[in-house]
Amino acid sequence: MVDSETTTARYLAEDLRRCTAELFRQAGLDDPIAAAVAEILVMADLLGYDTHGLQFVPAYLADVEAGRTTTSGEPDILKDSGGALLLDGRMLPGQWLVLRALALAQQRLGAQAMVSIAIRRSQNISCLATYVKRAADDGLLALLTTSSPNNAVVAPHGGRSPRLSTNPIAIGIPTEGTPILIDTSASATTNRRIERARRGGERLPQPWLVDNSGRLSDDPEVIYDDPPGAILPAGGQDMGHKGFALALFVEALTSGLAGTGRAAMAEGGDDGDPAGSNVFLQLIDPAAFGGTEAFRHETGFLAEICRGAAPLAGGPGVRVPGDRAHQAMSRQRTECVALHPEIMQRMRPCLEKYGIALPKAVSYTSRHKS
């Protein structure tokens, strides 16, 4: 092991929001929609989810430029029963849609103990933790999940053929301290992590994939074979039945409740175009049950006794979901946002294309062992 030095560029969060919002505004998104996209993408990087923040900019921009993204307007309310709504997202940016759904759900709490919203035909919503954090900060229990009916990259447990999307799920739980933030997926890894490893010519840390012959693999290229390999469900070969079960639950909440998904696409039906993503959001007001203070006390106590558990031999100790994200946000609000090295490389040509000045980087030098 030898000491080596690396230089990491950091950016002011506001500079990143400004240039990203301006990029999407010039590409054609209405001002408030462009601002919503920028806000959520930068928040993801602030929280440390660097594969689900500004990493998305080139792909989102390509969709806008190709006319695959609706650039203005609101989602359509297709059904409304007070505590349950079905929205048509009209292929609007997912960040705009979920923020609108959050606002709509919060407006109805009080009259309703809980509000559930299903959204069909949404563009990608990026980092789910950014949304449930907002709700949990307001004292609400939040569940958010999404699936992509036109995407099949994850194999069911025991299989090797891709049938499911990665099906992320997030939960925001208020406590007496910082909220518990659960943001995971029903798959062993994500599309974005595979793409990043492939661009870097790297292997994945573990054999999270299965090739088209049914053999475990850590090589991102197996996903792009013909026929393609697949991502294993969360839990891998041994415990993948758990991830598979969670994936089916996500599909039921999203495509099932939205009323359109893989079946509609396979059968060629025209009842609700399944293009894009389906989303499910539920907000629950603890005040309508055992009370807000009692809820926070219970969840806060639970978090603390978990953190206080004796660690494994030589281990760093227990971390409750959300602890690392809150620490990352606190640190990066002070030290500025450290972007993964490839993010600004990929954003640069997008910004230059529209004549937008790159944000000014603040660099620092850190020492690490290699």
Protein backbone atom coordinates (compact mmCIF):
# COMPACT_ATOMS: atom_id res chain seq x y z
CA MET A 1 0.00 0.00 0.00
CA VAL A 2 1.35 3.44 -0.94
CA ASP A 3 0.06 6.94 -0.43
CA SER A 4 -1.20 8.70 -3.51
CA GLU A 5 -3.02 11.96 -4.07
CA THR A 6 -6.21 12.59 -5.96
CA THR A 7 -7.81 15.92 -6.76
CA THR A 8 -11.58 16.06 -6.62
CA ALA A 9 -13.57 18.95 -8.06
CA ARG A 10 -16.34 20.32 -5.88
CA TYR A 11 -19.13 22.68 -6.89
CA LEU A 12 -21.57 24.98 -5.18
CA ALA A 13 -24.95 23.29 -5.17
CA GLU A 14 -26.63 26.48 -6.32
CA ASP A 15 -24.28 26.73 -9.32
CA LEU A 16 -25.13 23.17 -10.30
CA ARG A 17 -28.87 23.85 -9.97
CA ARG A 18 -28.60 27.05 -11.98
CA CYS A 19 -26.71 25.61 -14.96
CA THR A 20 -28.81 22.43 -15.02
CA ALA A 21 -32.09 24.34 -14.91
CA GLU A 22 -30.87 26.68 -17.64
CA LEU A 23 -29.80 23.73 -19.79
CA PHE A 24 -33.24 22.12 -19.66
CA ARG A 25 -34.98 25.46 -20.07
CA GLN A 26 -33.05 26.16 -23.26
CA ALA A 27 -33.72 22.59 -24.44
CA GLY A 28 -37.44 23.31 -24.20
CA LEU A 29 -38.78 22.56 -20.72
CA ASP A 30 -41.01 25.18 -19.12
CA ASP A 31 -39.19 27.13 -16.42
CA PRO A 32 -40.82 25.49 -13.36
CA ILE A 33 -40.34 22.02 -14.82
CA ALA A 34 -36.67 22.69 -15.63
CA ALA A 35 -36.19 23.98 -12.08
CA ALA A 36 -37.82 20.85 -10.62
CA VAL A 37 -35.55 18.55 -12.66
CA ALA A 38 -32.46 20.47 -11.56
CA GLU A 39 -33.51 20.56 -7.91
CA ILE A 40 -34.01 16.80 -7.65
CA LEU A 41 -30.87 15.86 -9.60
CA VAL A 42 -28.63 18.10 -7.49
CA MET A 43 -30.31 16.94 -4.27
CA ALA A 44 -29.46 13.35 -5.22
CA ASP A 45 -25.79 14.24 -5.49
CA LEU A 46 -25.95 16.21 -2.24
CA LEU A 47 -27.27 13.08 -0.53
CA GLY A 48 -24.48 10.98 -2.03
CA TYR A 49 -26.53 9.08 -4.63
CA ASP A 50 -24.06 9.89 -7.39
CA THR A 51 -25.41 7.35 -9.89
CA HIS A 52 -28.92 8.83 -9.73
CA GLY A 53 -28.37 12.56 -9.82
CA LEU A 54 -26.64 14.69 -12.44
CA GLN A 55 -25.45 11.43 -14.01
CA PHE A 56 -28.84 11.44 -15.79
CA VAL A 57 -28.40 14.79 -17.55
CA PRO A 58 -27.23 13.48 -20.98
CA ALA A 59 -30.00 10.85 -21.17
CA TYR A 60 -32.72 13.26 -20.04
CA LEU A 61 -31.52 15.90 -22.49
CA ALA A 62 -31.56 13.39 -25.36
CA ASP A 63 -35.19 12.52 -24.54
CA VAL A 64 -36.19 16.18 -24.52
CA GLU A 65 -34.41 16.90 -27.79
CA ALA A 66 -35.93 13.83 -29.46
CA GLY A 67 -39.45 14.83 -28.44
CA ARG A 68 -39.90 11.87 -26.11
CA THR A 69 -40.47 14.16 -23.12
CA THR A 70 -43.49 16.43 -22.75
CA THR A 71 -42.14 19.89 -21.99
CA SER A 72 -45.08 21.72 -20.40
CA GLY A 73 -48.29 21.25 -18.49
CA GLU A 74 -49.63 19.20 -15.61
CA PRO A 75 -50.53 15.51 -15.24
CA ASP A 76 -54.14 14.59 -15.99
CA ILE A 77 -56.28 13.26 -13.16
CA LEU A 78 -57.98 10.15 -14.57
CA LYS A 79 -59.66 8.97 -11.34
CA ASP A 80 -60.18 10.67 -8.00
CA SER A 81 -61.80 9.12 -4.95
CA GLY A 82 -60.35 11.51 -2.39
CA GLY A 83 -57.71 9.31 -0.80
CA ALA A 84 -56.76 7.54 -4.03
CA LEU A 85 -55.89 9.07 -7.38
CA LEU A 86 -54.77 7.84 -10.77
CA LEU A 87 -52.76 10.30 -12.84
CA ASP A 88 -51.63 10.24 -16.46
CA GLY A 89 -48.14 11.71 -16.43
CA ARG A 90 -48.27 12.41 -20.19
CA MET A 91 -44.51 11.64 -20.38
CA LEU A 92 -43.66 14.74 -18.39
CA PRO A 93 -40.34 14.69 -16.48
CA GLY A 94 -40.67 12.38 -13.51
CA GLN A 95 -39.22 14.94 -11.10
CA TRP A 96 -42.03 17.37 -11.92
CA LEU A 97 -44.68 14.67 -11.66
CA VAL A 98 -43.60 13.29 -8.30
CA LEU A 99 -43.21 16.76 -6.78
CA ARG A 100 -46.72 17.62 -8.02
CA ALA A 101 -48.04 14.34 -6.60
CA LEU A 102 -46.38 15.06 -3.24
CA ALA A 103 -48.00 18.48 -3.10
CA LEU A 104 -51.39 17.07 -4.08
CA ALA A 105 -51.19 14.31 -1.47
CA GLN A 106 -50.14 16.70 1.30
CA GLN A 107 -53.01 19.04 0.50
CA ARG A 108 -55.45 16.19 1.12
CA LEU A 109 -53.99 14.92 4.37
CA GLY A 110 -56.10 16.00 7.29
CA ALA A 111 -59.28 15.25 5.44
CA GLN A 112 -57.66 11.85 4.72
CA ALA A 113 -55.45 9.78 7.02
CA MET A 114 -53.49 8.60 4.00
CA VAL A 115 -53.37 9.42 0.32
CA SER A 116 -52.24 7.06 -2.44
CA ILE A 117 -51.40 8.17 -5.97
CA ALA A 118 -50.62 5.97 -8.95
CA ILE A 119 -49.04 7.61 -12.00
CA ARG A 120 -48.86 6.05 -15.45
CA ARG A 121 -46.66 7.30 -18.31
CA SER A 122 -44.00 9.16 -16.33
CA GLN A 123 -40.48 9.83 -17.46
CA ASN A 124 -37.70 8.53 -15.17
CA ILE A 125 -37.96 9.93 -11.63
CA SER A 126 -34.23 9.51 -10.69
CA CYS A 127 -33.38 9.28 -6.96
CA LEU A 128 -36.38 8.18 -4.89
CA ALA A 129 -34.82 9.20 -1.55
CA THR A 130 -35.01 12.87 -2.51
CA TYR A 131 -38.81 12.77 -2.47
CA VAL A 132 -39.48 10.67 0.62
CA LYS A 133 -37.03 12.85 2.54
CA ARG A 134 -39.23 15.87 1.81
CA ALA A 135 -42.29 14.11 3.20
CA ALA A 136 -40.47 12.72 6.24
CA ASP A 137 -39.04 16.16 7.02
CA ASP A 138 -42.67 17.29 7.23
CA GLY A 139 -43.51 14.49 9.66
CA LEU A 140 -45.16 12.15 7.17
CA LEU A 141 -44.54 8.47 6.52
CA ALA A 142 -43.88 8.10 2.79
CA LEU A 143 -43.68 5.16 0.39
CA LEU A 144 -42.53 5.66 -3.20
CA THR A 145 -41.77 3.09 -5.87
CA THR A 146 -41.53 2.87 -9.63
CA SER A 147 -41.20 0.34 -12.44
CA SER A 148 -40.60 0.56 -16.18
CA PRO A 149 -42.96 -1.66 -18.21
CA ASN A 150 -40.92 -1.23 -21.38
CA ASN A 151 -37.70 -2.27 -19.65
CA ALA A 152 -36.73 -5.84 -18.80
CA VAL A 153 -33.26 -6.32 -17.35
CA VAL A 154 -33.74 -8.31 -14.11
CA ALA A 155 -34.28 -12.07 -14.05
CA PRO A 156 -36.80 -13.70 -11.73
CA HIS A 157 -35.20 -15.85 -9.03
CA GLY A 158 -34.09 -19.14 -10.53
CA GLY A 159 -34.15 -17.80 -14.09
CA ARG A 160 -31.70 -16.22 -16.49
CA SER A 161 -34.04 -14.36 -18.85
CA PRO A 162 -34.67 -10.66 -18.11
CA ARG A 163 -38.31 -10.03 -17.22
CA LEU A 164 -38.40 -7.13 -14.74
CA SER A 165 -37.02 -3.63 -14.28
CA THR A 166 -34.84 -2.84 -11.27
CA ASN A 167 -37.95 -1.70 -9.36
CA PRO A 168 -36.60 0.72 -6.76
CA ILE A 169 -38.52 1.40 -3.57
CA ALA A 170 -38.05 4.19 -1.03
CA ILE A 171 -39.53 4.83 2.40
CA GLY A 172 -39.19 7.99 4.48
CA ILE A 173 -39.77 7.56 8.22
CA PRO A 174 -39.89 10.60 10.54
CA THR A 175 -38.08 10.27 13.87
CA GLU A 176 -37.17 12.56 16.73
CA GLY A 177 -33.91 13.15 14.88
CA THR A 178 -33.07 12.87 11.20
CA PRO A 179 -35.53 10.73 9.20
CA ILE A 180 -34.83 7.12 8.37
CA LEU A 181 -34.42 7.02 4.58
CA ILE A 182 -34.71 3.64 2.89
CA ASP A 183 -33.84 3.69 -0.81
CA THR A 184 -33.15 0.31 -2.33
CA SER A 185 -34.13 -1.80 -5.30
CA ALA A 186 -35.46 -5.28 -5.94
CA SER A 187 -32.36 -6.01 -8.03
CA ALA A 188 -28.80 -6.88 -7.03
CA THR A 189 -27.50 -3.73 -8.70
CA THR A 190 -28.78 -0.90 -10.88
CA ASN A 191 -28.65 -0.02 -14.56
CA ARG A 192 -26.67 3.12 -13.81
CA ARG A 193 -23.97 1.27 -11.90
CA ILE A 194 -23.63 -1.25 -14.71
CA GLU A 195 -23.39 1.53 -17.30
CA ARG A 196 -20.75 3.39 -15.29
CA ALA A 197 -18.65 0.24 -14.83
CA ARG A 198 -18.93 -0.54 -18.54
CA ARG A 199 -17.82 2.94 -19.58
CA GLY A 200 -14.84 2.63 -17.24
CA GLY A 201 -13.91 -0.82 -18.50
CA GLU A 202 -14.39 -2.20 -15.00
CA ARG A 203 -15.91 -5.30 -13.47
CA LEU A 204 -18.66 -5.14 -10.88
CA PRO A 205 -17.61 -5.77 -7.26
CA GLN A 206 -19.60 -9.01 -7.11
CA PRO A 207 -21.19 -11.46 -9.61
CA TRP A 208 -24.52 -9.66 -9.57
CA LEU A 209 -25.34 -10.67 -13.16
CA VAL A 210 -26.19 -13.86 -15.00
CA ASP A 211 -25.15 -14.40 -18.61
CA ASN A 212 -27.35 -15.86 -21.34
CA SER A 213 -26.01 -19.33 -20.56
CA GLY A 214 -27.10 -19.09 -16.92
CA ARG A 215 -23.65 -18.52 -15.42
CA LEU A 216 -23.01 -15.90 -12.74
CA SER A 217 -20.92 -12.96 -13.91
CA ASP A 218 -19.42 -9.65 -12.80
CA ASP A 219 -18.89 -8.48 -16.40
CA PRO A 220 -21.22 -5.61 -17.44
CA GLU A 221 -20.97 -6.74 -21.06
CA VAL A 222 -23.24 -9.73 -20.45
CA ILE A 223 -26.21 -7.36 -20.24
CA TYR A 224 -25.52 -6.26 -23.83
CA ASP A 225 -25.08 -9.72 -25.36
CA ASP A 226 -27.54 -11.14 -27.90
CA PRO A 227 -29.58 -12.59 -26.33
CA PRO A 228 -28.91 -10.44 -23.26
CA GLY A 229 -27.99 -11.62 -19.81
CA ALA A 230 -29.74 -10.23 -16.77
CA ILE A 231 -29.30 -8.67 -13.36
CA LEU A 232 -29.99 -11.01 -10.47
CA PRO A 233 -32.75 -10.06 -8.03
CA ALA A 234 -31.62 -8.57 -4.71
CA GLY A 235 -30.14 -11.37 -2.64
CA GLY A 236 -28.32 -12.93 -5.56
CA GLN A 237 -28.31 -16.60 -6.39
CA ASP A 238 -28.79 -17.76 -2.81
CA MET A 239 -31.38 -15.35 -1.41
CA GLY A 240 -32.83 -13.85 -4.59
CA HIS A 241 -36.30 -15.09 -3.75
CA LYS A 242 -36.54 -12.08 -1.43
CA GLY A 243 -35.70 -9.56 -4.15
CA PHE A 244 -37.99 -11.35 -6.58
CA ALA A 245 -40.88 -11.16 -4.10
CA LEU A 246 -40.23 -7.44 -3.56
CA ALA A 247 -40.13 -6.89 -7.34
CA LEU A 248 -43.56 -8.46 -7.75
CA PHE A 249 -44.93 -6.23 -4.98
CA VAL A 250 -43.51 -3.16 -6.74
CA GLU A 251 -45.04 -4.22 -10.05
CA ALA A 252 -48.44 -4.60 -8.34
CA LEU A 253 -48.24 -1.15 -6.74
CA THR A 254 -47.10 0.55 -9.94
CA SER A 255 -48.35 -1.14 -13.10
CA GLY A 256 -51.12 -3.03 -11.31
CA LEU A 257 -52.69 0.02 -9.69
CA ALA A 258 -51.97 2.19 -12.73
CA GLY A 259 -53.95 -0.35 -14.77
CA THR A 260 -51.38 -0.67 -17.52
CA GLY A 261 -47.95 -2.20 -17.87
CA ARG A 262 -46.24 -5.25 -19.26
CA ALA A 263 -49.45 -7.07 -20.18
CA ALA A 264 -50.83 -4.07 -22.07
CA MET A 265 -47.57 -3.67 -23.96
CA ALA A 266 -47.30 -7.39 -24.79
CA GLU A 267 -50.94 -7.60 -25.90
CA GLY A 268 -50.76 -4.46 -28.02
CA GLY A 269 -53.64 -2.83 -26.20
CA ASP A 270 -54.25 0.90 -26.47
CA ASP A 271 -55.82 1.35 -23.04
CA GLY A 272 -53.15 3.45 -21.39
CA ASP A 273 -49.89 3.53 -23.30
CA PRO A 274 -47.34 1.80 -21.04
CA ALA A 275 -44.41 3.82 -22.39
CA GLY A 276 -42.15 5.31 -19.75
CA SER A 277 -42.48 4.52 -16.06
CA ASN A 278 -45.30 3.83 -13.65
CA VAL A 279 -45.11 5.29 -10.15
CA PHE A 280 -46.83 4.71 -6.82
CA LEU A 281 -46.75 7.23 -3.97
CA GLN A 282 -48.41 6.93 -0.58
CA LEU A 283 -48.31 9.44 2.26
CA ILE A 284 -49.52 8.48 5.74
CA ASP A 285 -50.19 11.00 8.51
CA PRO A 286 -49.17 9.48 11.88
CA ALA A 287 -51.46 11.97 13.61
CA ALA A 288 -54.43 9.97 12.35
CA PHE A 289 -53.21 6.86 14.17
CA GLY A 290 -51.24 6.72 17.43
CA GLY A 291 -50.19 10.36 17.18
CA THR A 292 -47.24 12.19 15.66
CA GLU A 293 -45.19 12.49 18.85
CA ALA A 294 -45.68 8.82 19.75
CA PHE A 295 -44.73 7.79 16.22
CA ARG A 296 -41.54 9.87 16.22
CA HIS A 297 -40.63 8.61 19.69
CA GLU A 298 -41.03 4.97 18.68
CA THR A 299 -39.10 5.31 15.42
CA GLY A 300 -36.42 7.46 17.02
CA PHE A 301 -35.96 4.98 19.87
CA LEU A 302 -35.75 2.12 17.40
CA ALA A 303 -33.09 3.90 15.36
CA GLU A 304 -31.01 4.64 18.44
CA ILE A 305 -31.05 1.10 19.86
CA CYS A 306 -29.99 -0.17 16.44
CA ARG A 307 -27.11 2.31 16.25
CA GLY A 308 -26.11 1.28 19.76
CA ALA A 309 -25.91 -2.42 18.96
CA ALA A 310 -22.49 -4.01 19.47
CA PRO A 311 -20.68 -4.08 16.10
CA LEU A 312 -19.26 -7.10 14.37
CA ALA A 313 -15.66 -7.90 15.23
CA GLY A 314 -13.56 -5.23 13.60
CA GLY A 315 -16.64 -3.58 12.10
CA PRO A 316 -17.44 0.15 12.03
CA GLY A 317 -20.75 -0.13 13.86
CA VAL A 318 -24.39 -0.05 12.84
CA ARG A 319 -25.62 2.61 10.45
CA VAL A 320 -29.37 3.18 10.10
CA PRO A 321 -30.63 3.76 6.53
CA GLY A 322 -30.35 7.47 5.82
CA ASP A 323 -27.42 8.14 8.16
CA ARG A 324 -24.88 8.20 5.35
CA ALA A 325 -27.12 10.41 3.19
CA HIS A 326 -27.63 12.94 5.98
CA GLN A 327 -23.91 12.97 6.70
CA ALA A 328 -23.14 13.47 3.01
CA MET A 329 -25.59 16.36 2.77
CA SER A 330 -24.25 18.06 5.88
CA ARG A 331 -20.67 17.71 4.66
CA GLN A 332 -21.37 18.80 1.10
CA ARG A 333 -23.39 21.82 2.11
CA THR A 334 -20.24 22.99 3.90
CA GLU A 335 -17.54 21.71 1.56
CA CYS A 336 -19.56 21.91 -1.71
CA VAL A 337 -20.69 18.99 -3.87
CA ALA A 338 -18.09 16.42 -4.90
CA LEU A 339 -19.19 14.96 -8.22
CA HIS A 340 -18.07 11.60 -9.50
CA PRO A 341 -15.25 12.32 -12.00
CA GLU A 342 -17.28 11.28 -15.05
CA ILE A 343 -20.35 13.41 -14.31
CA MET A 344 -18.98 16.80 -15.36
CA GLN A 345 -17.18 15.15 -18.29
CA ARG A 346 -20.57 13.95 -19.52
CA MET A 347 -22.36 17.21 -18.72
CA ARG A 348 -19.75 19.42 -20.36
CA PRO A 349 -20.74 18.81 -24.03
CA CYS A 350 -24.42 19.28 -23.11
CA LEU A 351 -23.74 22.68 -21.53
CA GLU A 352 -21.39 23.75 -24.30
CA LYS A 353 -23.97 22.80 -26.93
CA TYR A 354 -26.34 25.42 -25.50
CA GLY A 355 -23.66 27.98 -24.74
CA ILE A 356 -24.06 27.66 -20.97
CA ALA A 357 -21.04 28.42 -18.83
CA LEU A 358 -19.74 25.49 -16.85
CA PRO A 359 -20.03 25.92 -13.09
CA LYS A 360 -16.82 27.03 -11.45
CA ALA A 361 -15.13 24.16 -9.65
CA VAL A 362 -13.51 24.39 -6.24
CA SER A 363 -10.74 21.81 -6.01
CA TYR A 364 -9.14 20.22 -3.00
CA THR A 365 -6.52 17.51 -2.64
CA SER A 366 -7.10 14.40 -0.56
CA ARG A 367 -4.68 11.57 0.22
CA HIS A 368 -5.71 7.93 0.01
CA LYS A 369 -3.94 4.59 -0.02
CA SER A 370 -3.77 2.50 -3.18
